[in-house]
C-alpha cells in the first residue's frame, strides 16, 4: 500500500475500471477481485426488490462472496442500476439498441442508483445507496449519429449507453445528484465508511 494514510488493505469486488479509477483518484490502493456472480439470475430471484434496493443487494452479494475467500480483509462491492419509469434497464447488446434506448431517453429523466457495501469474513458491515436523476436533452439525429460513431461499440459495455466522463456528458440538460454516484460509486459515503472501519485516517 503506497498511500501513507491507508492503514489496511482493501479489495474491490469488481472488474469495473471506472470504480478502480475512482479509488485510485482519491489516493487509495485497491486489489481487484471480481465476484463470480449471476447478476441476472439474482435479479430474477428477487422480482419484488425496488431498483435502488437491487443495487444494494448486488453490491452486498459481491462483497460477501469475495470476502469469504479473503479472511480478515475488508471487501468493497459496488453495483449500479438504471431505472426508467420504475423498470430496471440492462446494458444494450448492439449499437442499434443503444441508439433506440437513447432516443427513448430523449427529453426525459431517468435515475441511476449506485449501491455499495463493505464485507469482512462473509458478513456485511456497511451498506449504502445513492440516487442521481439525469435529464436527457432533445438532441438531434445528426448529433446522435456522430456520438455513436465517436464512441463505438464501447457503449454496449455501459448501462444507459453513455459515459459521463466522456462525450456522453453532452447528452444531458440537467443532472441532480452526485457526479461520483453516476460514475459508479457513492464515493463520499464509501470514504466515510472506510474511515469508520479504520482503513483510512480521519
Protein backbone atom coordinates (compact mmCIF):
# COMPACT_ATOMS: atom_id res chain seq x y z
CA UNK A 1 0.00 0.00 0.00
CA UNK A 2 1.61 3.23 -1.10
CA UNK A 3 -0.68 5.90 0.42
CA UNK A 4 0.57 6.90 3.88
CA UNK A 5 -2.99 7.39 5.16
CA UNK A 6 -4.23 3.92 4.15
CA UNK A 7 -3.92 1.63 7.16
CA UNK A 8 -5.44 -1.61 5.86
CA UNK A 9 -5.62 -3.42 2.53
CA UNK A 10 -8.82 -3.10 0.57
CA UNK A 11 -10.22 -5.44 -2.06
CA UNK A 12 -12.64 -4.21 -4.71
CA UNK A 13 -15.08 -6.96 -5.70
CA UNK A 14 -15.45 -5.61 -9.22
CA UNK A 15 -13.91 -5.66 -12.66
CA UNK A 16 -15.01 -2.05 -13.22
CA UNK A 17 -12.21 0.16 -14.48
CA UNK A 18 -14.30 3.21 -13.53
CA UNK A 19 -14.60 2.13 -9.88
CA UNK A 20 -10.92 1.30 -9.68
CA UNK A 21 -10.08 4.69 -11.18
CA UNK A 22 -12.31 6.42 -8.63
CA UNK A 23 -10.47 4.76 -5.75
CA UNK A 24 -7.06 5.45 -7.25
CA UNK A 25 -8.08 9.05 -7.90
CA UNK A 26 -8.60 9.68 -4.19
CA UNK A 27 -5.29 8.04 -3.36
CA UNK A 28 -6.41 4.56 -2.33
CA UNK A 29 -4.74 1.33 -3.34
CA UNK A 30 -7.19 -1.48 -4.10
CA UNK A 31 -6.81 -5.03 -5.29
CA UNK A 32 -9.35 -6.13 -7.87
CA UNK A 33 -11.05 -9.47 -7.32
CA UNK A 34 -14.28 -9.64 -9.31
CA UNK A 35 -17.08 -11.71 -7.83
CA UNK A 36 -18.38 -14.63 -9.87
CA UNK A 37 -22.00 -13.55 -9.72
CA UNK A 38 -25.02 -14.30 -11.88
CA UNK A 39 -26.47 -10.81 -11.70
CA UNK A 40 -29.41 -11.54 -14.00
CA UNK A 41 -30.26 -14.65 -12.00
CA UNK A 42 -30.18 -12.66 -8.77
CA UNK A 43 -32.50 -10.05 -10.26
CA UNK A 44 -34.94 -12.70 -11.40
CA UNK A 45 -34.85 -14.35 -7.97
CA UNK A 46 -35.81 -11.04 -6.33
CA UNK A 47 -38.51 -9.57 -8.58
CA UNK A 48 -40.10 -7.54 -5.78
CA UNK A 49 -36.98 -5.52 -4.95
CA UNK A 50 -37.13 -1.88 -5.96
CA UNK A 51 -34.32 -0.79 -8.30
CA UNK A 52 -32.44 1.08 -5.54
CA UNK A 53 -32.67 -1.94 -3.25
CA UNK A 54 -31.45 -4.18 -6.05
CA UNK A 55 -28.33 -2.04 -6.44
CA UNK A 56 -27.52 -2.57 -2.76
CA UNK A 57 -28.38 -6.28 -2.95
CA UNK A 58 -25.95 -6.80 -5.83
CA UNK A 59 -23.22 -4.82 -4.08
CA UNK A 60 -23.68 -6.83 -0.87
CA UNK A 61 -23.66 -10.14 -2.69
CA UNK A 62 -20.42 -9.29 -4.47
CA UNK A 63 -18.72 -8.08 -1.29
CA UNK A 64 -19.78 -11.11 0.75
CA UNK A 65 -18.77 -13.62 -1.91
CA UNK A 66 -15.26 -12.22 -2.24
CA UNK A 67 -14.80 -11.64 1.50
CA UNK A 68 -15.36 -15.35 2.13
CA UNK A 69 -12.27 -16.01 0.03
CA UNK A 70 -10.21 -13.29 1.74
CA UNK A 71 -10.29 -13.89 5.52
CA UNK A 72 -9.86 -10.78 7.61
CA UNK A 73 -9.71 -8.41 4.63
CA UNK A 74 -12.28 -5.70 4.04
CA UNK A 75 -14.01 -6.03 0.66
CA UNK A 76 -15.89 -3.29 -1.17
CA UNK A 77 -18.70 -4.27 -3.51
CA UNK A 78 -20.47 -1.88 -5.83
CA UNK A 79 -23.22 -2.02 -8.38
CA UNK A 80 -25.35 0.36 -10.37
CA UNK A 81 -28.93 0.06 -11.52
CA UNK A 82 -30.52 2.28 -14.15
CA UNK A 83 -34.22 2.86 -13.58
CA UNK A 84 -36.54 4.21 -16.24
CA UNK A 85 -40.21 4.65 -15.32
CA UNK A 86 -39.84 2.13 -12.49
CA UNK A 87 -38.22 -0.57 -14.65
CA UNK A 88 -34.63 -1.80 -14.45
CA UNK A 89 -32.72 -1.20 -17.69
CA UNK A 90 -29.93 -3.61 -18.68
CA UNK A 91 -26.95 -2.94 -20.93
CA UNK A 92 -27.74 -2.80 -24.64
CA UNK A 93 -26.40 -5.62 -26.79
CA UNK A 94 -25.77 -3.69 -30.02
CA UNK A 95 -25.16 -0.11 -31.12
CA UNK A 96 -28.60 -0.13 -32.73
CA UNK A 97 -30.04 -0.98 -29.32
CA UNK A 98 -28.03 1.87 -27.77
CA UNK A 99 -29.44 4.29 -30.34
CA UNK A 100 -33.00 3.14 -29.68
CA UNK A 101 -32.50 3.45 -25.92
CA UNK A 102 -31.09 6.96 -26.16
CA UNK A 103 -33.98 8.02 -28.36
CA UNK A 104 -36.30 6.68 -25.66
CA UNK A 105 -34.48 8.76 -23.03
CA UNK A 106 -34.62 11.93 -25.15
CA UNK A 107 -36.38 14.80 -23.38
CA UNK A 108 -37.00 12.69 -20.26
CA UNK A 109 -35.48 11.99 -16.84
CA UNK A 110 -34.18 8.61 -15.68
CA UNK A 111 -32.40 7.55 -12.49
CA UNK A 112 -29.13 5.84 -11.61
CA UNK A 113 -28.94 4.01 -8.28
CA UNK A 114 -25.40 3.35 -7.08
CA UNK A 115 -25.13 0.75 -4.32
CA UNK A 116 -22.08 -0.02 -2.21
CA UNK A 117 -21.34 -2.46 0.59
CA UNK A 118 -18.40 -3.46 2.78
CA UNK A 119 -17.99 -7.02 3.99
CA UNK A 120 -15.48 -8.86 6.12
CA UNK A 121 -15.34 -12.64 6.63
CA UNK A 122 -18.65 -13.17 4.84
CA UNK A 123 -20.63 -10.59 6.80
CA UNK A 124 -21.84 -7.19 5.62
CA UNK A 125 -20.54 -4.43 7.90
CA UNK A 126 -21.90 -1.45 5.95
CA UNK A 127 -24.27 -0.71 3.06
CA UNK A 128 -25.42 2.40 1.24
CA UNK A 129 -27.25 3.53 -1.88
CA UNK A 130 -27.34 6.92 -3.57
CA UNK A 131 -29.51 8.06 -6.48
CA UNK A 132 -28.97 10.59 -9.24
CA UNK A 133 -31.58 11.93 -11.65
CA UNK A 134 -30.41 12.57 -15.22
CA UNK A 135 -32.43 14.58 -17.72
CA UNK A 136 -31.58 13.93 -21.37
CA UNK A 137 -31.82 16.90 -23.73
CA UNK A 138 -33.73 16.89 -27.01
CA UNK A 139 -30.70 16.03 -29.14
CA UNK A 140 -30.80 15.82 -32.93
CA UNK A 141 -30.42 12.69 -35.03
CA UNK A 142 -27.26 14.19 -36.53
CA UNK A 143 -25.75 14.56 -33.07
CA UNK A 144 -26.74 11.00 -32.17
CA UNK A 145 -25.10 9.60 -35.30
CA UNK A 146 -21.89 11.49 -34.59
CA UNK A 147 -21.94 10.33 -30.96
CA UNK A 148 -22.40 6.67 -31.87
CA UNK A 149 -19.59 6.88 -34.41
CA UNK A 150 -17.23 8.55 -31.93
CA UNK A 151 -17.88 6.18 -29.03
CA UNK A 152 -18.46 2.98 -30.96
CA UNK A 153 -19.08 -0.48 -29.53
CA UNK A 154 -17.80 0.56 -26.11
CA UNK A 155 -21.28 1.97 -25.48
CA UNK A 156 -22.68 -1.56 -25.16
CA UNK A 157 -20.47 -2.04 -22.10
CA UNK A 158 -22.03 0.78 -20.08
CA UNK A 159 -25.57 0.83 -18.80
CA UNK A 160 -27.54 3.65 -20.39
CA UNK A 161 -25.21 3.94 -23.37
CA UNK A 162 -23.13 6.83 -22.06
CA UNK A 163 -20.06 7.73 -20.02
CA UNK A 164 -20.45 10.97 -18.15
CA UNK A 165 -16.67 11.38 -18.12
CA UNK A 166 -16.69 11.33 -21.93
CA UNK A 167 -18.73 12.75 -24.83
CA UNK A 168 -21.84 11.27 -23.22
CA UNK A 169 -21.90 14.30 -20.93
CA UNK A 170 -23.32 16.20 -23.91
CA UNK A 171 -26.49 14.11 -23.73
CA UNK A 172 -27.80 15.90 -20.68
CA UNK A 173 -29.55 19.17 -19.98
CA UNK A 174 -29.67 18.65 -16.22
CA UNK A 175 -28.27 16.33 -13.57
CA UNK A 176 -29.48 16.20 -9.97
CA UNK A 177 -27.17 14.15 -7.82
CA UNK A 178 -23.56 13.33 -7.16
CA UNK A 179 -21.08 13.00 -10.02
CA UNK A 180 -19.31 10.02 -8.44
CA UNK A 181 -22.61 8.21 -7.96
CA UNK A 182 -23.15 8.44 -11.70
CA UNK A 183 -19.65 7.10 -12.37
CA UNK A 184 -20.37 4.02 -10.25
CA UNK A 185 -19.78 4.57 -6.51
CA UNK A 186 -21.35 6.80 -3.85
CA UNK A 187 -17.80 7.91 -3.10
CA UNK A 188 -18.34 10.31 -0.20
CA UNK A 189 -20.29 7.70 1.77
CA UNK A 190 -17.73 5.00 0.91
CA UNK A 191 -14.85 7.14 2.16
CA UNK A 192 -16.62 7.86 5.45
CA UNK A 193 -17.31 4.15 5.92
CA UNK A 194 -13.65 3.35 5.25
CA UNK A 195 -12.69 5.84 7.95
CA UNK A 196 -15.11 4.15 10.36
CA UNK A 197 -13.53 0.77 9.52
CA UNK A 198 -10.01 2.09 10.12
CA UNK A 199 -8.88 1.63 6.52
CA UNK A 200 -8.01 5.30 6.11
CA UNK A 201 -7.22 8.05 8.59
CA UNK A 202 -9.73 10.57 9.82
